[in-house]
């Protein structure tokens, strides 16, 4: 619900409205509306409809914004993790090369000592 609250705040700011104005239109307290924007309050369908009407947007667009934003965040996190895994794979390959090099040196020293 945090993303929904962020979207509602974005709509409010686009309209140039204060929290006071929107809270009054919803007939709720300013702290109650602030909690909606902060994503603290779970919004029921009736309140969601009220908010959509105030901003003259479909309820579905509010819900889509919630889904889209969380999907975007998830996609970005997946990309970050893939990059991190790739970097670790490269580090592992470098460490393997060093181990092979040390093993070869050890073999070379052992051969020289046996002469």
PDB file of N, CA and C in Angstrom:
ATOM      1  N   UNK A   1       0.810  -1.215   0.000  1.00  0.00           N
ATOM      2  CA  UNK A   1       0.000   0.000   0.000  1.00  0.00           C
ATOM      3  C   UNK A   1       0.848   1.272   0.000  1.00  0.00           C
ATOM      4  N   UNK A   2       2.147   1.124   0.259  1.00  0.00           N
ATOM      5  CA  UNK A   2       3.001   2.312   0.239  1.00  0.00           C
ATOM      6  C   UNK A   2       3.022   2.942  -1.136  1.00  0.00           C
ATOM      7  N   UNK A   3       3.066   2.097  -2.164  1.00  0.00           N
ATOM      8  CA  UNK A   3       3.103   2.638  -3.526  1.00  0.00           C
ATOM      9  C   UNK A   3       1.801   3.344  -3.871  1.00  0.00           C
ATOM     10  N   UNK A   4       0.692   2.819  -3.382  1.00  0.00           N
ATOM     11  CA  UNK A   4      -0.595   3.464  -3.609  1.00  0.00           C
ATOM     12  C   UNK A   4      -0.601   4.843  -2.951  1.00  0.00           C
ATOM     13  N   UNK A   5      -0.103   4.903  -1.731  1.00  0.00           N
ATOM     14  CA  UNK A   5      -0.022   6.184  -1.021  1.00  0.00           C
ATOM     15  C   UNK A   5       0.856   7.183  -1.751  1.00  0.00           C
ATOM     16  N   UNK A   6       1.991   6.691  -2.274  1.00  0.00           N
ATOM     17  CA  UNK A   6       2.878   7.574  -3.041  1.00  0.00           C
ATOM     18  C   UNK A   6       2.173   8.101  -4.290  1.00  0.00           C
ATOM     19  N   UNK A   7       1.401   7.232  -4.928  1.00  0.00           N
ATOM     20  CA  UNK A   7       0.682   7.643  -6.141  1.00  0.00           C
ATOM     21  C   UNK A   7      -0.390   8.690  -5.801  1.00  0.00           C
ATOM     22  N   UNK A   8      -1.083   8.476  -4.707  1.00  0.00           N
ATOM     23  CA  UNK A   8      -2.099   9.450  -4.280  1.00  0.00           C
ATOM     24  C   UNK A   8      -1.432  10.794  -3.985  1.00  0.00           C
ATOM     25  N   UNK A   9      -0.300  10.754  -3.317  1.00  0.00           N
ATOM     26  CA  UNK A   9       0.421  11.997  -3.022  1.00  0.00           C
ATOM     27  C   UNK A   9       0.843  12.686  -4.319  1.00  0.00           C
ATOM     28  N   UNK A  10       1.330  11.892  -5.265  1.00  0.00           N
ATOM     29  CA  UNK A  10       1.750  12.443  -6.557  1.00  0.00           C
ATOM     30  C   UNK A  10       0.569  13.129  -7.253  1.00  0.00           C
ATOM     31  N   UNK A  11      -0.600  12.490  -7.231  1.00  0.00           N
ATOM     32  CA  UNK A  11      -1.793  13.100  -7.834  1.00  0.00           C
ATOM     33  C   UNK A  11      -2.151  14.403  -7.125  1.00  0.00           C
ATOM     34  N   UNK A  12      -2.089  14.377  -5.798  1.00  0.00           N
ATOM     35  CA  UNK A  12      -2.419  15.579  -5.016  1.00  0.00           C
ATOM     36  C   UNK A  12      -1.479  16.723  -5.383  1.00  0.00           C
ATOM     37  N   UNK A  13      -0.188  16.426  -5.466  1.00  0.00           N
ATOM     38  CA  UNK A  13       0.789  17.469  -5.792  1.00  0.00           C
ATOM     39  C   UNK A  13       0.613  17.974  -7.221  1.00  0.00           C
ATOM     40  N   UNK A  14       0.265  17.078  -8.137  1.00  0.00           N
ATOM     41  CA  UNK A  14       0.012  17.492  -9.521  1.00  0.00           C
ATOM     42  C   UNK A  14      -1.156  18.475  -9.588  1.00  0.00           C
ATOM     43  N   UNK A  15      -2.117  18.286  -8.705  1.00  0.00           N
ATOM     44  CA  UNK A  15      -3.276  19.187  -8.665  1.00  0.00           C
ATOM     45  C   UNK A  15      -2.958  20.473  -7.903  1.00  0.00           C
ATOM     46  N   UNK A  16      -1.827  20.497  -7.206  1.00  0.00           N
ATOM     47  CA  UNK A  16      -1.455  21.669  -6.420  1.00  0.00           C
ATOM     48  C   UNK A  16      -2.265  21.791  -5.143  1.00  0.00           C
ATOM     49  N   UNK A  17      -2.746  20.664  -4.638  1.00  0.00           N
ATOM     50  CA  UNK A  17      -3.595  20.668  -3.443  1.00  0.00           C
ATOM     51  C   UNK A  17      -2.784  20.327  -2.201  1.00  0.00           C
ATOM     52  N   UNK A  18      -3.273  20.809  -1.072  1.00  0.00           N
ATOM     53  CA  UNK A  18      -2.665  20.477   0.213  1.00  0.00           C
ATOM     54  C   UNK A  18      -3.347  19.235   0.778  1.00  0.00           C
ATOM     55  N   UNK A  19      -2.710  18.637   1.777  1.00  0.00           N
ATOM     56  CA  UNK A  19      -3.334  17.514   2.470  1.00  0.00           C
ATOM     57  C   UNK A  19      -4.638  17.959   3.138  1.00  0.00           C
ATOM     58  N   UNK A  20      -4.654  19.189   3.607  1.00  0.00           N
ATOM     59  CA  UNK A  20      -5.855  19.721   4.258  1.00  0.00           C
ATOM     60  C   UNK A  20      -7.033  19.693   3.291  1.00  0.00           C
ATOM     61  N   UNK A  21      -6.817  20.172   2.076  1.00  0.00           N
ATOM     62  CA  UNK A  21      -7.892  20.231   1.086  1.00  0.00           C
ATOM     63  C   UNK A  21      -8.438  18.837   0.786  1.00  0.00           C
ATOM     64  N   UNK A  22      -7.540  17.882   0.545  1.00  0.00           N
ATOM     65  CA  UNK A  22      -7.994  16.532   0.200  1.00  0.00           C
ATOM     66  C   UNK A  22      -8.655  15.870   1.412  1.00  0.00           C
ATOM     67  N   UNK A  23      -8.083  16.051   2.587  1.00  0.00           N
ATOM     68  CA  UNK A  23      -8.680  15.484   3.804  1.00  0.00           C
ATOM     69  C   UNK A  23     -10.100  16.020   4.002  1.00  0.00           C
ATOM     70  N   UNK A  24     -10.285  17.310   3.769  1.00  0.00           N
ATOM     71  CA  UNK A  24     -11.624  17.907   3.894  1.00  0.00           C
ATOM     72  C   UNK A  24     -12.587  17.321   2.867  1.00  0.00           C
ATOM     73  N   UNK A  25     -12.114  17.116   1.646  1.00  0.00           N
ATOM     74  CA  UNK A  25     -12.973  16.535   0.609  1.00  0.00           C
ATOM     75  C   UNK A  25     -13.358  15.098   0.955  1.00  0.00           C
ATOM     76  N   UNK A  26     -12.447  14.389   1.627  1.00  0.00           N
ATOM     77  CA  UNK A  26     -12.730  13.010   2.030  1.00  0.00           C
ATOM     78  C   UNK A  26     -13.490  12.943   3.356  1.00  0.00           C
ATOM     79  N   UNK A  27     -13.608  14.100   4.009  1.00  0.00           N
ATOM     80  CA  UNK A  27     -14.258  14.199   5.314  1.00  0.00           C
ATOM     81  C   UNK A  27     -13.547  13.323   6.358  1.00  0.00           C
ATOM     82  N   UNK A  28     -12.196  13.414   6.330  1.00  0.00           N
ATOM     83  CA  UNK A  28     -11.380  12.732   7.325  1.00  0.00           C
ATOM     84  C   UNK A  28     -10.379  13.725   7.895  1.00  0.00           C
ATOM     85  N   UNK A  29      -9.713  13.344   8.970  1.00  0.00           N
ATOM     86  CA  UNK A  29      -8.724  14.241   9.574  1.00  0.00           C
ATOM     87  C   UNK A  29      -7.464  14.301   8.701  1.00  0.00           C
ATOM     88  N   UNK A  30      -6.696  15.349   8.904  1.00  0.00           N
ATOM     89  CA  UNK A  30      -5.442  15.506   8.162  1.00  0.00           C
ATOM     90  C   UNK A  30      -4.476  14.364   8.512  1.00  0.00           C
ATOM     91  N   UNK A  31      -4.334  14.016   9.809  1.00  0.00           N
ATOM     92  CA  UNK A  31      -3.456  12.876  10.120  1.00  0.00           C
ATOM     93  C   UNK A  31      -3.915  11.566   9.455  1.00  0.00           C
ATOM     94  N   UNK A  32      -5.228  11.374   9.348  1.00  0.00           N
ATOM     95  CA  UNK A  32      -5.739  10.162   8.697  1.00  0.00           C
ATOM     96  C   UNK A  32      -5.345  10.150   7.226  1.00  0.00           C
ATOM     97  N   UNK A  33      -5.448  11.307   6.563  1.00  0.00           N
ATOM     98  CA  UNK A  33      -5.058  11.370   5.161  1.00  0.00           C
ATOM     99  C   UNK A  33      -3.545  11.225   5.015  1.00  0.00           C
ATOM    100  N   UNK A  34      -2.811  11.796   5.934  1.00  0.00           N
ATOM    101  CA  UNK A  34      -1.359  11.673   5.913  1.00  0.00           C
ATOM    102  C   UNK A  34      -0.941  10.201   5.999  1.00  0.00           C
ATOM    103  N   UNK A  35      -1.661   9.437   6.814  1.00  0.00           N
ATOM    104  CA  UNK A  35      -1.381   8.002   6.942  1.00  0.00           C
ATOM    105  C   UNK A  35      -1.687   7.259   5.638  1.00  0.00           C
ATOM    106  N   UNK A  36      -2.695   7.711   4.912  1.00  0.00           N
ATOM    107  CA  UNK A  36      -3.008   7.108   3.609  1.00  0.00           C
ATOM    108  C   UNK A  36      -1.838   7.334   2.659  1.00  0.00           C
ATOM    109  N   UNK A  37      -1.355   8.574   2.596  1.00  0.00           N
ATOM    110  CA  UNK A  37      -0.236   8.890   1.706  1.00  0.00           C
ATOM    111  C   UNK A  37       1.044   8.167   2.115  1.00  0.00           C
ATOM    112  N   UNK A  38       1.209   7.949   3.406  1.00  0.00           N
ATOM    113  CA  UNK A  38       2.414   7.272   3.900  1.00  0.00           C
ATOM    114  C   UNK A  38       2.331   5.760   3.731  1.00  0.00           C
ATOM    115  N   UNK A  39       1.155   5.274   3.355  1.00  0.00           N
ATOM    116  CA  UNK A  39       0.994   3.836   3.166  1.00  0.00           C
ATOM    117  C   UNK A  39       0.784   3.085   4.461  1.00  0.00           C
ATOM    118  N   UNK A  40       0.458   3.799   5.518  1.00  0.00           N
ATOM    119  CA  UNK A  40       0.234   3.188   6.834  1.00  0.00           C
ATOM    120  C   UNK A  40      -1.177   2.621   6.938  1.00  0.00           C
ATOM    121  N   UNK A  41      -2.130   3.345   6.370  1.00  0.00           N
ATOM    122  CA  UNK A  41      -3.536   2.949   6.433  1.00  0.00           C
ATOM    123  C   UNK A  41      -3.896   2.073   5.246  1.00  0.00           C
ATOM    124  N   UNK A  42      -4.577   0.986   5.521  1.00  0.00           N
ATOM    125  CA  UNK A  42      -5.110   0.144   4.452  1.00  0.00           C
ATOM    126  C   UNK A  42      -6.418   0.790   3.997  1.00  0.00           C
ATOM    127  N   UNK A  43      -6.515   1.032   2.711  1.00  0.00           N
ATOM    128  CA  UNK A  43      -7.672   1.750   2.165  1.00  0.00           C
ATOM    129  C   UNK A  43      -8.726   0.743   1.713  1.00  0.00           C
ATOM    130  N   UNK A  44      -9.939   0.917   2.211  1.00  0.00           N
ATOM    131  CA  UNK A  44     -11.013   0.036   1.743  1.00  0.00           C
ATOM    132  C   UNK A  44     -11.511   0.527   0.381  1.00  0.00           C
ATOM    133  N   UNK A  45     -12.313  -0.292  -0.265  1.00  0.00           N
ATOM    134  CA  UNK A  45     -12.747   0.001  -1.638  1.00  0.00           C
ATOM    135  C   UNK A  45     -13.584   1.274  -1.718  1.00  0.00           C
ATOM    136  N   UNK A  46     -14.374   1.544  -0.695  1.00  0.00           N
ATOM    137  CA  UNK A  46     -15.198   2.766  -0.711  1.00  0.00           C
ATOM    138  C   UNK A  46     -14.316   4.017  -0.651  1.00  0.00           C
ATOM    139  N   UNK A  47     -13.301   3.973   0.215  1.00  0.00           N
ATOM    140  CA  UNK A  47     -12.394   5.116   0.323  1.00  0.00           C
ATOM    141  C   UNK A  47     -11.586   5.260  -0.969  1.00  0.00           C
ATOM    142  N   UNK A  48     -11.197   4.143  -1.550  1.00  0.00           N
ATOM    143  CA  UNK A  48     -10.466   4.174  -2.811  1.00  0.00           C
ATOM    144  C   UNK A  48     -11.309   4.834  -3.900  1.00  0.00           C
ATOM    145  N   UNK A  49     -12.589   4.503  -3.931  1.00  0.00           N
ATOM    146  CA  UNK A  49     -13.524   5.103  -4.902  1.00  0.00           C
ATOM    147  C   UNK A  49     -13.629   6.605  -4.667  1.00  0.00           C
ATOM    148  N   UNK A  50     -13.718   7.006  -3.394  1.00  0.00           N
ATOM    149  CA  UNK A  50     -13.779   8.436  -3.053  1.00  0.00           C
ATOM    150  C   UNK A  50     -12.538   9.171  -3.574  1.00  0.00           C
ATOM    151  N   UNK A  51     -11.386   8.581  -3.313  1.00  0.00           N
ATOM    152  CA  UNK A  51     -10.124   9.205  -3.733  1.00  0.00           C
ATOM    153  C   UNK A  51     -10.054   9.300  -5.255  1.00  0.00           C
ATOM    154  N   UNK A  52     -10.442   8.227  -5.927  1.00  0.00           N
ATOM    155  CA  UNK A  52     -10.441   8.230  -7.389  1.00  0.00           C
ATOM    156  C   UNK A  52     -11.359   9.331  -7.923  1.00  0.00           C
ATOM    157  N   UNK A  53     -12.522   9.485  -7.311  1.00  0.00           N
ATOM    158  CA  UNK A  53     -13.465  10.520  -7.745  1.00  0.00           C
ATOM    159  C   UNK A  53     -12.890  11.920  -7.542  1.00  0.00           C
ATOM    160  N   UNK A  54     -12.241  12.141  -6.409  1.00  0.00           N
ATOM    161  CA  UNK A  54     -11.663  13.453  -6.123  1.00  0.00           C
ATOM    162  C   UNK A  54     -10.617  13.829  -7.174  1.00  0.00           C
ATOM    163  N   UNK A  55      -9.810  12.861  -7.566  1.00  0.00           N
ATOM    164  CA  UNK A  55      -8.754  13.133  -8.544  1.00  0.00           C
ATOM    165  C   UNK A  55      -9.202  12.881  -9.980  1.00  0.00           C
ATOM    166  N   UNK A  56     -10.465  12.488 -10.121  1.00  0.00           N
ATOM    167  CA  UNK A  56     -11.055  12.257 -11.437  1.00  0.00           C
ATOM    168  C   UNK A  56     -10.261  11.222 -12.248  1.00  0.00           C
ATOM    169  N   UNK A  57      -9.949  10.119 -11.575  1.00  0.00           N
ATOM    170  CA  UNK A  57      -9.253   9.002 -12.226  1.00  0.00           C
ATOM    171  C   UNK A  57     -10.029   7.727 -11.920  1.00  0.00           C
ATOM    172  N   UNK A  58      -9.911   6.718 -12.759  1.00  0.00           N
ATOM    173  CA  UNK A  58     -10.571   5.449 -12.457  1.00  0.00           C
ATOM    174  C   UNK A  58      -9.896   4.740 -11.284  1.00  0.00           C
ATOM    175  N   UNK A  59     -10.682   4.012 -10.519  1.00  0.00           N
ATOM    176  CA  UNK A  59     -10.145   3.232  -9.402  1.00  0.00           C
ATOM    177  C   UNK A  59      -9.053   2.294  -9.917  1.00  0.00           C
ATOM    178  N   UNK A  60      -9.290   1.717 -11.076  1.00  0.00           N
ATOM    179  CA  UNK A  60      -8.326   0.777 -11.648  1.00  0.00           C
ATOM    180  C   UNK A  60      -6.958   1.427 -11.844  1.00  0.00           C
ATOM    181  N   UNK A  61      -6.937   2.707 -12.193  1.00  0.00           N
ATOM    182  CA  UNK A  61      -5.642   3.359 -12.400  1.00  0.00           C
ATOM    183  C   UNK A  61      -4.879   3.491 -11.081  1.00  0.00           C
ATOM    184  N   UNK A  62      -5.608   3.683  -9.986  1.00  0.00           N
ATOM    185  CA  UNK A  62      -4.951   3.728  -8.678  1.00  0.00           C
ATOM    186  C   UNK A  62      -4.380   2.356  -8.337  1.00  0.00           C
ATOM    187  N   UNK A  63      -5.162   1.317  -8.571  1.00  0.00           N
ATOM    188  CA  UNK A  63      -4.713  -0.038  -8.276  1.00  0.00           C
ATOM    189  C   UNK A  63      -3.585  -0.451  -9.210  1.00  0.00           C
ATOM    190  N   UNK A  64      -3.675  -0.050 -10.465  1.00  0.00           N
ATOM    191  CA  UNK A  64      -2.618  -0.371 -11.418  1.00  0.00           C
ATOM    192  C   UNK A  64      -1.313   0.300 -10.996  1.00  0.00           C
ATOM    193  N   UNK A  65      -1.413   1.530 -10.527  1.00  0.00           N
ATOM    194  CA  UNK A  65      -0.216   2.239 -10.071  1.00  0.00           C
ATOM    195  C   UNK A  65       0.434   1.471  -8.938  1.00  0.00           C
ATOM    196  N   UNK A  66      -0.374   0.920  -8.039  1.00  0.00           N
ATOM    197  CA  UNK A  66       0.147   0.115  -6.927  1.00  0.00           C
ATOM    198  C   UNK A  66       0.882  -1.102  -7.470  1.00  0.00           C
ATOM    199  N   UNK A  67       0.261  -1.826  -8.387  1.00  0.00           N
ATOM    200  CA  UNK A  67       0.870  -3.029  -8.954  1.00  0.00           C
ATOM    201  C   UNK A  67       2.107  -2.679  -9.784  1.00  0.00           C
ATOM    202  N   UNK A  68       1.968  -1.688 -10.655  1.00  0.00           N
ATOM    203  CA  UNK A  68       3.056  -1.322 -11.561  1.00  0.00           C
ATOM    204  C   UNK A  68       4.293  -0.881 -10.786  1.00  0.00           C
ATOM    205  N   UNK A  69       4.081  -0.065  -9.769  1.00  0.00           N
ATOM    206  CA  UNK A  69       5.201   0.436  -8.969  1.00  0.00           C
ATOM    207  C   UNK A  69       5.914  -0.709  -8.264  1.00  0.00           C
ATOM    208  N   UNK A  70       5.152  -1.636  -7.676  1.00  0.00           N
ATOM    209  CA  UNK A  70       5.790  -2.747  -6.975  1.00  0.00           C
ATOM    210  C   UNK A  70       6.483  -3.673  -7.968  1.00  0.00           C
ATOM    211  N   UNK A  71       5.919  -3.842  -9.157  1.00  0.00           N
ATOM    212  CA  UNK A  71       6.542  -4.672 -10.185  1.00  0.00           C
ATOM    213  C   UNK A  71       7.843  -4.035 -10.655  1.00  0.00           C
ATOM    214  N   UNK A  72       7.830  -2.704 -10.824  1.00  0.00           N
ATOM    215  CA  UNK A  72       9.023  -1.970 -11.238  1.00  0.00           C
ATOM    216  C   UNK A  72      10.130  -2.154 -10.200  1.00  0.00           C
ATOM    217  N   UNK A  73       9.768  -2.033  -8.915  1.00  0.00           N
ATOM    218  CA  UNK A  73      10.725  -2.205  -7.830  1.00  0.00           C
ATOM    219  C   UNK A  73      11.284  -3.617  -7.844  1.00  0.00           C
ATOM    220  N   UNK A  74      10.412  -4.604  -8.039  1.00  0.00           N
ATOM    221  CA  UNK A  74      10.849  -5.998  -8.085  1.00  0.00           C
ATOM    222  C   UNK A  74      11.789  -6.229  -9.258  1.00  0.00           C
ATOM    223  N   UNK A  75      11.441  -5.710 -10.431  1.00  0.00           N
ATOM    224  CA  UNK A  75      12.288  -5.870 -11.611  1.00  0.00           C
ATOM    225  C   UNK A  75      13.670  -5.257 -11.391  1.00  0.00           C
ATOM    226  N   UNK A  76      13.706  -4.078 -10.784  1.00  0.00           N
ATOM    227  CA  UNK A  76      14.989  -3.428 -10.513  1.00  0.00           C
ATOM    228  C   UNK A  76      15.820  -4.237  -9.532  1.00  0.00           C
ATOM    229  N   UNK A  77      15.172  -4.781  -8.518  1.00  0.00           N
ATOM    230  CA  UNK A  77      15.880  -5.596  -7.517  1.00  0.00           C
ATOM    231  C   UNK A  77      16.455  -6.851  -8.176  1.00  0.00           C
ATOM    232  N   UNK A  78      15.688  -7.461  -9.065  1.00  0.00           N
ATOM    233  CA  UNK A  78      16.171  -8.644  -9.778  1.00  0.00           C
ATOM    234  C   UNK A  78      17.404  -8.296 -10.609  1.00  0.00           C
ATOM    235  N   UNK A  79      17.364  -7.154 -11.300  1.00  0.00           N
ATOM    236  CA  UNK A  79      18.511  -6.719 -12.098  1.00  0.00           C
ATOM    237  C   UNK A  79      19.743  -6.486 -11.224  1.00  0.00           C
ATOM    238  N   UNK A  80      19.544  -5.869 -10.049  1.00  0.00           N
ATOM    239  CA  UNK A  80      20.655  -5.632  -9.124  1.00  0.00           C
ATOM    240  C   UNK A  80      21.255  -6.953  -8.663  1.00  0.00           C
ATOM    241  N   UNK A  81      20.393  -7.916  -8.330  1.00  0.00           N
ATOM    242  CA  UNK A  81      20.871  -9.214  -7.873  1.00  0.00           C
ATOM    243  C   UNK A  81      21.601  -9.968  -8.980  1.00  0.00           C
ATOM    244  N   UNK A  82      21.090  -9.872 -10.214  1.00  0.00           N
ATOM    245  CA  UNK A  82      21.765 -10.519 -11.340  1.00  0.00           C
ATOM    246  C   UNK A  82      23.155  -9.923 -11.563  1.00  0.00           C
ATOM    247  N   UNK A  83      23.253  -8.609 -11.449  1.00  0.00           N
ATOM    248  CA  UNK A  83      24.544  -7.943 -11.602  1.00  0.00           C
ATOM    249  C   UNK A  83      25.504  -8.386 -10.503  1.00  0.00           C
ATOM    250  N   UNK A  84      25.005  -8.463  -9.286  1.00  0.00           N
ATOM    251  CA  UNK A  84      25.819  -8.887  -8.155  1.00  0.00           C
ATOM    252  C   UNK A  84      26.315 -10.326  -8.345  1.00  0.00           C
ATOM    253  N   UNK A  85      25.431 -11.192  -8.820  1.00  0.00           N
ATOM    254  CA  UNK A  85      25.823 -12.578  -9.088  1.00  0.00           C
ATOM    255  C   UNK A  85      26.885 -12.655 -10.172  1.00  0.00           C
ATOM    256  N   UNK A  86      26.721 -11.864 -11.200  1.00  0.00           N
ATOM    257  CA  UNK A  86      27.696 -11.837 -12.288  1.00  0.00           C
ATOM    258  C   UNK A  86      29.062 -11.391 -11.773  1.00  0.00           C
ATOM    259  N   UNK A  87      29.082 -10.363 -10.932  1.00  0.00           N
ATOM    260  CA  UNK A  87      30.337  -9.878 -10.362  1.00  0.00           C
ATOM    261  C   UNK A  87      30.976 -10.952  -9.488  1.00  0.00           C
ATOM    262  N   UNK A  88      30.163 -11.654  -8.732  1.00  0.00           N
ATOM    263  CA  UNK A  88      30.696 -12.727  -7.883  1.00  0.00           C
ATOM    264  C   UNK A  88      31.239 -13.876  -8.723  1.00  0.00           C
ATOM    265  N   UNK A  89      30.556 -14.180  -9.828  1.00  0.00           N
ATOM    266  CA  UNK A  89      31.064 -15.219 -10.731  1.00  0.00           C
ATOM    267  C   UNK A  89      32.448 -14.839 -11.257  1.00  0.00           C
ATOM    268  N   UNK A  90      32.606 -13.558 -11.623  1.00  0.00           N
ATOM    269  CA  UNK A  90      33.900 -13.085 -12.104  1.00  0.00           C
ATOM    270  C   UNK A  90      34.961 -13.205 -11.010  1.00  0.00           C
ATOM    271  N   UNK A  91      34.585 -12.859  -9.772  1.00  0.00           N
ATOM    272  CA  UNK A  91      35.520 -12.976  -8.646  1.00  0.00           C
ATOM    273  C   UNK A  91      35.921 -14.427  -8.419  1.00  0.00           C
ATOM    274  N   UNK A  92      34.960 -15.321  -8.524  1.00  0.00           N
ATOM    275  CA  UNK A  92      35.245 -16.752  -8.350  1.00  0.00           C
ATOM    276  C   UNK A  92      36.219 -17.230  -9.419  1.00  0.00           C
ATOM    277  N   UNK A  93      35.997 -16.821 -10.662  1.00  0.00           N
ATOM    278  CA  UNK A  93      36.907 -17.206 -11.743  1.00  0.00           C
ATOM    279  C   UNK A  93      38.326 -16.703 -11.488  1.00  0.00           C
ATOM    280  N   UNK A  94      38.447 -15.462 -11.017  1.00  0.00           N
ATOM    281  CA  UNK A  94      39.768 -14.901 -10.709  1.00  0.00           C
ATOM    282  C   UNK A  94      40.438 -15.690  -9.587  1.00  0.00           C
ATOM    283  N   UNK A  95      39.680 -16.050  -8.564  1.00  0.00           N
ATOM    284  CA  UNK A  95      40.234 -16.835  -7.458  1.00  0.00           C
ATOM    285  C   UNK A  95      40.655 -18.230  -7.934  1.00  0.00           C
ATOM    286  N   UNK A  96      39.858 -18.811  -8.806  1.00  0.00           N
ATOM    287  CA  UNK A  96      40.214 -20.128  -9.350  1.00  0.00           C
ATOM    288  C   UNK A  96      41.523 -20.044 -10.140  1.00  0.00           C
ATOM    289  N   UNK A  97      41.695 -18.980 -10.912  1.00  0.00           N
ATOM    290  CA  UNK A  97      42.930 -18.799 -11.673  1.00  0.00           C
ATOM    291  C   UNK A  97      44.129 -18.684 -10.727  1.00  0.00           C
ATOM    292  N   UNK A  98      43.953 -17.953  -9.624  1.00  0.00           N
ATOM    293  CA  UNK A  98      45.038 -17.799  -8.652  1.00  0.00           C
ATOM    294  C   UNK A  98      45.370 -19.139  -8.002  1.00  0.00           C
ATOM    295  N   UNK A  99      44.355 -19.905  -7.671  1.00  0.00           N
ATOM    296  CA  UNK A  99      44.579 -21.227  -7.063  1.00  0.00           C
ATOM    297  C   UNK A  99      45.330 -22.128  -8.031  1.00  0.00           C
ATOM    298  N   UNK A 100      44.929 -22.119  -9.283  1.00  0.00           N
ATOM    299  CA  UNK A 100      45.609 -22.929 -10.298  1.00  0.00           C
ATOM    300  C   UNK A 100      47.060 -22.484 -10.434  1.00  0.00           C
ATOM    301  N   UNK A 101      47.286 -21.181 -10.444  1.00  0.00           N
ATOM    302  CA  UNK A 101      48.651 -20.647 -10.533  1.00  0.00           C
ATOM    303  C   UNK A 101      49.490 -21.078  -9.343  1.00  0.00           C
ATOM    304  N   UNK A 102      48.923 -21.009  -8.143  1.00  0.00           N
ATOM    305  CA  UNK A 102      49.654 -21.434  -6.945  1.00  0.00           C
ATOM    306  C   UNK A 102      49.931 -22.940  -6.975  1.00  0.00           C
ATOM    307  N   UNK A 103      48.978 -23.697  -7.427  1.00  0.00           N
ATOM    308  CA  UNK A 103      49.149 -25.145  -7.534  1.00  0.00           C
ATOM    309  C   UNK A 103      50.277 -25.463  -8.517  1.00  0.00           C
ATOM    310  N   UNK A 104      50.295 -24.761  -9.646  1.00  0.00           N
ATOM    311  CA  UNK A 104      51.343 -24.983 -10.637  1.00  0.00           C
ATOM    312  C   UNK A 104      52.720 -24.612 -10.081  1.00  0.00           C
ATOM    313  N   UNK A 105      52.783 -23.516  -9.306  1.00  0.00           N
ATOM    314  CA  UNK A 105      54.049 -23.118  -8.674  1.00  0.00           C
ATOM    315  C   UNK A 105      54.498 -24.186  -7.678  1.00  0.00           C
ATOM    316  N   UNK A 106      53.567 -24.692  -6.908  1.00  0.00           N
ATOM    317  CA  UNK A 106      53.882 -25.709  -5.915  1.00  0.00           C
ATOM    318  C   UNK A 106      54.407 -26.964  -6.610  1.00  0.00           C
ATOM    319  N   UNK A 107      53.782 -27.329  -7.728  1.00  0.00           N
ATOM    320  CA  UNK A 107      54.236 -28.483  -8.508  1.00  0.00           C
ATOM    321  C   UNK A 107      55.651 -28.232  -9.041  1.00  0.00           C
ATOM    322  N   UNK A 108      55.892 -27.011  -9.503  1.00  0.00           N
ATOM    323  CA  UNK A 108      57.195 -26.651 -10.043  1.00  0.00           C
ATOM    324  C   UNK A 108      58.257 -26.721  -8.943  1.00  0.00           C
ATOM    325  N   UNK A 109      57.959 -26.216  -7.758  1.00  0.00           N
ATOM    326  CA  UNK A 109      58.913 -26.265  -6.636  1.00  0.00           C
ATOM    327  C   UNK A 109      59.190 -27.705  -6.234  1.00  0.00           C
ATOM    328  N   UNK A 110      58.132 -28.512  -6.220  1.00  0.00           N
ATOM    329  CA  UNK A 110      58.305 -29.916  -5.839  1.00  0.00           C
ATOM    330  C   UNK A 110      59.211 -30.627  -6.832  1.00  0.00           C
ATOM    331  N   UNK A 111      59.060 -30.298  -8.128  1.00  0.00           N
ATOM    332  CA  UNK A 111      59.882 -30.914  -9.175  1.00  0.00           C
ATOM    333  C   UNK A 111      61.338 -30.481  -9.015  1.00  0.00           C
ATOM    334  N   UNK A 112      61.549 -29.183  -8.729  1.00  0.00           N
ATOM    335  CA  UNK A 112      62.913 -28.666  -8.562  1.00  0.00           C
ATOM    336  C   UNK A 112      63.584 -29.272  -7.343  1.00  0.00           C
ATOM    337  N   UNK A 113      62.867 -29.484  -6.277  1.00  0.00           N
ATOM    338  CA  UNK A 113      63.437 -30.051  -5.052  1.00  0.00           C
ATOM    339  C   UNK A 113      63.809 -31.519  -5.228  1.00  0.00           C
ATOM    340  N   UNK A 114      63.056 -32.223  -6.049  1.00  0.00           N
ATOM    341  CA  UNK A 114      63.325 -33.643  -6.247  1.00  0.00           C
ATOM    342  C   UNK A 114      64.543 -33.888  -7.135  1.00  0.00           C
ATOM    343  N   UNK A 115      65.060 -32.902  -7.798  1.00  0.00           N
ATOM    344  CA  UNK A 115      66.220 -33.059  -8.679  1.00  0.00           C
ATOM    345  C   UNK A 115      67.456 -33.188  -7.884  1.00  0.00           C
TER     346      UNK A 115
END
